[in-house]
Amino acid sequence: MTVTEVFLNLFQFRSEFCFVSYAEYNVQDLSMLEKFRGMGPRKLYMIFSLTDETYALLSSARAPVGVDPRNFYFAIALLDQSYWILGSVIGAVAGALIPFSTEGVDFAMTALFEIGRAHV
């Protein structure tokens, strides 16, 4: 197998994976359209912020009595994204402050991809 064929196979696998992955999010978006109805401009944010975690909460959680469901769903999406961003910032700062040697990571990453490829 030539280097070109290897890259073409990797590209095809990645393309198929991305298509399936994005299809999952499209199905999630479609199933939430009824819950997002009547949210006005917040509807675009709700679609943008829909992750697996947010989808799981929105599809199973019920708004408490006396709370507008649209506000409840918006708060869930906003908090989920806020936690994700805060965790990313904390990780970036910690990564910049904590010394870390990358010695051996090149071998570990190669082994990881080789094992993953063997199971595909």
N, C-alpha and C. Protein backbone atom coordinates (compact mmCIF):
# COMPACT_ATOMS: atom_id res chain seq x y z
N MET A 1 0.85 -1.18 0.00
CA MET A 1 0.00 0.00 0.00
C MET A 1 0.90 1.24 0.00
N THR A 2 0.65 2.16 -0.91
CA THR A 2 1.46 3.36 -0.99
C THR A 2 1.02 4.38 0.05
N VAL A 3 1.84 5.37 0.25
CA VAL A 3 1.53 6.44 1.21
C VAL A 3 0.25 7.16 0.77
N THR A 4 0.10 7.36 -0.51
CA THR A 4 -1.10 8.02 -1.02
C THR A 4 -2.35 7.22 -0.68
N GLU A 5 -2.29 5.92 -0.86
CA GLU A 5 -3.44 5.08 -0.54
C GLU A 5 -3.77 5.12 0.94
N VAL A 6 -2.74 5.15 1.78
CA VAL A 6 -2.97 5.25 3.23
C VAL A 6 -3.71 6.54 3.56
N PHE A 7 -3.23 7.65 3.00
CA PHE A 7 -3.89 8.93 3.26
C PHE A 7 -5.32 8.96 2.72
N LEU A 8 -5.52 8.39 1.54
CA LEU A 8 -6.87 8.34 0.99
C LEU A 8 -7.80 7.50 1.85
N ASN A 9 -7.31 6.38 2.38
CA ASN A 9 -8.12 5.54 3.27
C ASN A 9 -8.45 6.28 4.55
N LEU A 10 -7.46 6.98 5.11
CA LEU A 10 -7.72 7.76 6.33
C LEU A 10 -8.74 8.86 6.07
N PHE A 11 -8.59 9.54 4.91
CA PHE A 11 -9.53 10.60 4.57
C PHE A 11 -10.94 10.05 4.40
N GLN A 12 -11.07 8.90 3.74
CA GLN A 12 -12.39 8.29 3.54
C GLN A 12 -13.00 7.91 4.87
N PHE A 13 -12.21 7.31 5.76
CA PHE A 13 -12.72 6.94 7.09
C PHE A 13 -13.17 8.18 7.84
N ARG A 14 -12.35 9.23 7.80
CA ARG A 14 -12.69 10.46 8.52
C ARG A 14 -13.96 11.08 7.93
N SER A 15 -14.08 11.08 6.63
CA SER A 15 -15.27 11.65 5.99
C SER A 15 -16.52 10.89 6.38
N GLU A 16 -16.44 9.56 6.37
CA GLU A 16 -17.60 8.75 6.76
C GLU A 16 -17.94 8.96 8.22
N PHE A 17 -16.92 9.05 9.08
CA PHE A 17 -17.15 9.27 10.50
C PHE A 17 -17.81 10.62 10.74
N CYS A 18 -17.29 11.65 10.06
CA CYS A 18 -17.87 12.99 10.22
C CYS A 18 -19.32 13.02 9.76
N PHE A 19 -19.61 12.36 8.64
CA PHE A 19 -20.98 12.34 8.15
C PHE A 19 -21.91 11.70 9.16
N VAL A 20 -21.51 10.56 9.72
CA VAL A 20 -22.33 9.88 10.71
C VAL A 20 -22.45 10.72 11.97
N SER A 21 -21.34 11.32 12.39
CA SER A 21 -21.34 12.14 13.59
C SER A 21 -22.27 13.35 13.43
N TYR A 22 -22.17 14.04 12.30
CA TYR A 22 -23.04 15.19 12.06
C TYR A 22 -24.50 14.76 11.89
N ALA A 23 -24.72 13.61 11.33
CA ALA A 23 -26.08 13.10 11.18
C ALA A 23 -26.73 12.93 12.55
N GLU A 24 -25.93 12.47 13.52
CA GLU A 24 -26.45 12.32 14.88
C GLU A 24 -26.95 13.67 15.42
N TYR A 25 -26.16 14.71 15.22
CA TYR A 25 -26.57 16.03 15.70
C TYR A 25 -27.77 16.57 14.95
N ASN A 26 -27.88 16.26 13.68
CA ASN A 26 -29.05 16.69 12.91
C ASN A 26 -30.31 16.03 13.44
N VAL A 27 -30.22 14.75 13.78
CA VAL A 27 -31.37 14.05 14.35
C VAL A 27 -31.73 14.65 15.71
N GLN A 28 -30.70 14.95 16.50
CA GLN A 28 -30.96 15.58 17.80
C GLN A 28 -31.65 16.93 17.61
N ASP A 29 -31.14 17.74 16.68
CA ASP A 29 -31.76 19.04 16.43
C ASP A 29 -33.22 18.90 16.02
N LEU A 30 -33.47 17.99 15.11
CA LEU A 30 -34.85 17.80 14.63
C LEU A 30 -35.78 17.36 15.76
N SER A 31 -35.30 16.51 16.64
CA SER A 31 -36.16 16.03 17.72
C SER A 31 -36.43 17.10 18.77
N MET A 32 -35.63 18.17 18.77
CA MET A 32 -35.82 19.23 19.76
C MET A 32 -36.61 20.42 19.22
N LEU A 33 -36.93 20.41 17.95
CA LEU A 33 -37.59 21.57 17.36
C LEU A 33 -38.89 21.94 18.08
N GLU A 34 -39.65 20.96 18.50
CA GLU A 34 -40.90 21.25 19.20
C GLU A 34 -40.64 21.95 20.53
N LYS A 35 -39.62 21.52 21.25
CA LYS A 35 -39.28 22.17 22.52
C LYS A 35 -38.75 23.58 22.30
N PHE A 36 -38.10 23.81 21.16
CA PHE A 36 -37.52 25.13 20.88
C PHE A 36 -38.53 26.09 20.27
N ARG A 37 -39.72 25.62 19.95
CA ARG A 37 -40.73 26.47 19.32
C ARG A 37 -41.13 27.59 20.27
N GLY A 38 -41.22 28.78 19.75
CA GLY A 38 -41.65 29.93 20.54
C GLY A 38 -40.54 30.56 21.37
N MET A 39 -39.29 30.18 21.12
CA MET A 39 -38.19 30.74 21.92
C MET A 39 -37.61 32.01 21.30
N GLY A 40 -38.11 32.39 20.14
CA GLY A 40 -37.63 33.61 19.51
C GLY A 40 -36.16 33.51 19.15
N PRO A 41 -35.39 34.58 19.41
CA PRO A 41 -33.96 34.59 19.06
C PRO A 41 -33.15 33.54 19.83
N ARG A 42 -33.65 33.12 20.98
CA ARG A 42 -32.94 32.12 21.77
C ARG A 42 -32.90 30.76 21.06
N LYS A 43 -33.79 30.56 20.10
CA LYS A 43 -33.84 29.29 19.38
C LYS A 43 -32.53 29.01 18.66
N LEU A 44 -31.92 30.02 18.06
CA LEU A 44 -30.65 29.84 17.37
C LEU A 44 -29.55 29.42 18.35
N TYR A 45 -29.55 30.03 19.53
CA TYR A 45 -28.56 29.64 20.54
C TYR A 45 -28.81 28.21 21.01
N MET A 46 -30.06 27.84 21.16
CA MET A 46 -30.40 26.50 21.61
C MET A 46 -29.89 25.45 20.61
N ILE A 47 -30.02 25.73 19.34
CA ILE A 47 -29.53 24.81 18.31
C ILE A 47 -28.00 24.78 18.33
N PHE A 48 -27.37 25.95 18.47
CA PHE A 48 -25.92 26.04 18.50
C PHE A 48 -25.33 25.30 19.70
N SER A 49 -25.97 25.41 20.83
CA SER A 49 -25.39 24.87 22.07
C SER A 49 -25.79 23.43 22.34
N LEU A 50 -26.48 22.79 21.42
CA LEU A 50 -26.95 21.43 21.65
C LEU A 50 -25.80 20.42 21.54
N THR A 51 -25.40 19.89 22.68
CA THR A 51 -24.38 18.84 22.75
C THR A 51 -25.06 17.57 23.23
N ASP A 52 -24.31 16.50 23.31
CA ASP A 52 -24.88 15.25 23.81
C ASP A 52 -25.42 15.40 25.23
N GLU A 53 -24.67 16.11 26.07
CA GLU A 53 -25.07 16.29 27.45
C GLU A 53 -26.34 17.15 27.55
N THR A 54 -26.35 18.22 26.80
CA THR A 54 -27.52 19.10 26.82
C THR A 54 -28.74 18.38 26.26
N TYR A 55 -28.53 17.62 25.19
CA TYR A 55 -29.63 16.85 24.61
C TYR A 55 -30.21 15.86 25.63
N ALA A 56 -29.33 15.18 26.35
CA ALA A 56 -29.79 14.21 27.35
C ALA A 56 -30.63 14.90 28.42
N LEU A 57 -30.19 16.05 28.87
CA LEU A 57 -30.96 16.77 29.90
C LEU A 57 -32.27 17.32 29.34
N LEU A 58 -32.21 17.91 28.16
CA LEU A 58 -33.42 18.51 27.59
C LEU A 58 -34.47 17.46 27.22
N SER A 59 -34.02 16.29 26.82
CA SER A 59 -34.99 15.28 26.42
C SER A 59 -35.62 14.57 27.61
N SER A 60 -35.00 14.67 28.78
CA SER A 60 -35.54 13.95 29.93
C SER A 60 -36.04 14.87 31.05
N ALA A 61 -35.51 16.07 31.15
CA ALA A 61 -35.88 16.97 32.25
C ALA A 61 -37.22 17.64 32.00
N ARG A 62 -37.96 17.83 33.05
CA ARG A 62 -39.24 18.55 32.99
C ARG A 62 -39.11 19.81 33.84
N ALA A 63 -39.64 20.90 33.34
CA ALA A 63 -39.58 22.16 34.08
C ALA A 63 -40.39 22.05 35.36
N PRO A 64 -39.87 22.59 36.47
CA PRO A 64 -40.63 22.57 37.72
C PRO A 64 -41.94 23.35 37.57
N VAL A 65 -42.88 23.03 38.39
CA VAL A 65 -44.18 23.71 38.37
C VAL A 65 -43.95 25.20 38.62
N GLY A 66 -44.57 26.01 37.79
CA GLY A 66 -44.46 27.46 37.93
C GLY A 66 -43.30 28.08 37.18
N VAL A 67 -42.48 27.26 36.52
CA VAL A 67 -41.34 27.77 35.76
C VAL A 67 -41.64 27.60 34.28
N ASP A 68 -41.41 28.68 33.53
CA ASP A 68 -41.61 28.62 32.08
C ASP A 68 -40.65 27.61 31.47
N PRO A 69 -41.16 26.58 30.78
CA PRO A 69 -40.27 25.55 30.21
C PRO A 69 -39.20 26.12 29.28
N ARG A 70 -39.53 27.15 28.51
CA ARG A 70 -38.55 27.72 27.58
C ARG A 70 -37.38 28.35 28.35
N ASN A 71 -37.67 29.04 29.45
CA ASN A 71 -36.60 29.61 30.28
C ASN A 71 -35.78 28.50 30.94
N PHE A 72 -36.46 27.45 31.36
CA PHE A 72 -35.79 26.31 31.99
C PHE A 72 -34.82 25.65 31.02
N TYR A 73 -35.28 25.39 29.80
CA TYR A 73 -34.43 24.76 28.78
C TYR A 73 -33.26 25.67 28.40
N PHE A 74 -33.52 26.96 28.29
CA PHE A 74 -32.46 27.91 27.95
C PHE A 74 -31.40 27.94 29.05
N ALA A 75 -31.82 27.92 30.30
CA ALA A 75 -30.87 27.92 31.42
C ALA A 75 -30.00 26.67 31.40
N ILE A 76 -30.59 25.53 31.09
CA ILE A 76 -29.82 24.29 31.01
C ILE A 76 -28.75 24.41 29.93
N ALA A 77 -29.13 24.88 28.74
CA ALA A 77 -28.18 25.00 27.63
C ALA A 77 -27.08 26.01 27.98
N LEU A 78 -27.45 27.12 28.57
CA LEU A 78 -26.48 28.16 28.92
C LEU A 78 -25.50 27.67 29.98
N LEU A 79 -26.02 26.99 31.00
CA LEU A 79 -25.14 26.47 32.05
C LEU A 79 -24.23 25.36 31.51
N ASP A 80 -24.76 24.47 30.68
CA ASP A 80 -23.92 23.41 30.10
C ASP A 80 -22.76 24.01 29.31
N GLN A 81 -23.04 24.98 28.48
CA GLN A 81 -21.97 25.58 27.69
C GLN A 81 -21.01 26.36 28.59
N SER A 82 -21.53 27.04 29.60
CA SER A 82 -20.67 27.78 30.53
C SER A 82 -19.71 26.85 31.25
N TYR A 83 -20.21 25.69 31.70
CA TYR A 83 -19.35 24.72 32.39
C TYR A 83 -18.27 24.21 31.45
N TRP A 84 -18.63 23.99 30.20
CA TRP A 84 -17.68 23.48 29.23
C TRP A 84 -16.58 24.52 28.97
N ILE A 85 -16.97 25.78 28.81
CA ILE A 85 -16.00 26.85 28.57
C ILE A 85 -15.13 27.06 29.80
N LEU A 86 -15.73 27.08 30.98
CA LEU A 86 -14.96 27.26 32.21
C LEU A 86 -13.96 26.12 32.39
N GLY A 87 -14.37 24.90 32.15
CA GLY A 87 -13.46 23.76 32.25
C GLY A 87 -12.32 23.86 31.26
N SER A 88 -12.60 24.34 30.06
CA SER A 88 -11.55 24.50 29.05
C SER A 88 -10.55 25.56 29.47
N VAL A 89 -11.04 26.66 30.02
CA VAL A 89 -10.15 27.74 30.47
C VAL A 89 -9.29 27.26 31.64
N ILE A 90 -9.90 26.58 32.60
CA ILE A 90 -9.14 26.05 33.73
C ILE A 90 -8.08 25.06 33.25
N GLY A 91 -8.45 24.20 32.30
CA GLY A 91 -7.48 23.26 31.75
C GLY A 91 -6.34 23.94 31.02
N ALA A 92 -6.65 24.99 30.27
CA ALA A 92 -5.61 25.73 29.54
C ALA A 92 -4.66 26.43 30.51
N VAL A 93 -5.21 27.04 31.54
CA VAL A 93 -4.37 27.73 32.53
C VAL A 93 -3.52 26.71 33.29
N ALA A 94 -4.15 25.62 33.73
CA ALA A 94 -3.41 24.59 34.45
C ALA A 94 -2.32 23.99 33.57
N GLY A 95 -2.63 23.77 32.30
CA GLY A 95 -1.65 23.23 31.38
C GLY A 95 -0.47 24.17 31.17
N ALA A 96 -0.73 25.47 31.22
CA ALA A 96 0.35 26.44 31.05
C ALA A 96 1.20 26.55 32.32
N LEU A 97 0.61 26.31 33.48
CA LEU A 97 1.32 26.47 34.75
C LEU A 97 2.03 25.20 35.22
N ILE A 98 1.49 24.04 34.89
CA ILE A 98 2.06 22.77 35.36
C ILE A 98 3.06 22.27 34.33
N PRO A 99 4.30 22.06 34.75
CA PRO A 99 5.28 21.53 33.79
C PRO A 99 4.93 20.09 33.40
N PHE A 100 5.09 19.81 32.12
CA PHE A 100 4.74 18.48 31.60
C PHE A 100 5.72 18.08 30.53
N SER A 101 6.28 16.91 30.67
CA SER A 101 7.21 16.39 29.67
C SER A 101 6.43 15.57 28.65
N THR A 102 6.63 15.87 27.39
CA THR A 102 5.94 15.13 26.33
C THR A 102 6.78 13.95 25.83
N GLU A 103 7.85 13.63 26.54
CA GLU A 103 8.71 12.52 26.14
C GLU A 103 7.90 11.22 26.20
N GLY A 104 7.88 10.50 25.11
CA GLY A 104 7.16 9.23 25.05
C GLY A 104 5.75 9.36 24.49
N VAL A 105 5.23 10.57 24.41
CA VAL A 105 3.88 10.76 23.89
C VAL A 105 3.82 10.38 22.41
N ASP A 106 4.89 10.64 21.67
CA ASP A 106 4.88 10.29 20.25
C ASP A 106 4.70 8.79 20.06
N PHE A 107 5.34 7.99 20.88
CA PHE A 107 5.17 6.54 20.80
C PHE A 107 3.76 6.14 21.22
N ALA A 108 3.27 6.73 22.30
CA ALA A 108 1.94 6.37 22.80
C ALA A 108 0.86 6.71 21.79
N MET A 109 0.96 7.86 21.15
CA MET A 109 -0.05 8.26 20.16
C MET A 109 0.00 7.34 18.94
N THR A 110 1.21 6.98 18.50
CA THR A 110 1.33 6.06 17.37
C THR A 110 0.71 4.72 17.72
N ALA A 111 1.01 4.22 18.90
CA ALA A 111 0.45 2.93 19.35
C ALA A 111 -1.07 3.01 19.44
N LEU A 112 -1.58 4.13 19.94
CA LEU A 112 -3.03 4.30 20.05
C LEU A 112 -3.71 4.21 18.69
N PHE A 113 -3.16 4.90 17.69
CA PHE A 113 -3.77 4.88 16.36
C PHE A 113 -3.61 3.52 15.69
N GLU A 114 -2.49 2.85 15.93
CA GLU A 114 -2.29 1.54 15.35
C GLU A 114 -3.27 0.53 15.93
N ILE A 115 -3.48 0.58 17.23
CA ILE A 115 -4.44 -0.33 17.87
C ILE A 115 -5.85 -0.01 17.40
N GLY A 116 -6.17 1.27 17.31
CA GLY A 116 -7.50 1.69 16.84
C GLY A 116 -7.74 1.24 15.41
N ARG A 117 -6.73 1.35 14.59
CA ARG A 117 -6.86 0.97 13.18
C ARG A 117 -7.03 -0.54 13.04
N ALA A 118 -6.41 -1.30 13.94
CA ALA A 118 -6.51 -2.76 13.88
C ALA A 118 -7.94 -3.23 14.21
N HIS A 119 -8.68 -2.43 14.96
CA HIS A 119 -10.02 -2.82 15.36
C HIS A 119 -11.11 -2.32 14.42
N VAL A 120 -10.73 -1.51 13.44
CA VAL A 120 -11.73 -0.95 12.53
C VAL A 120 -12.04 -1.93 11.43
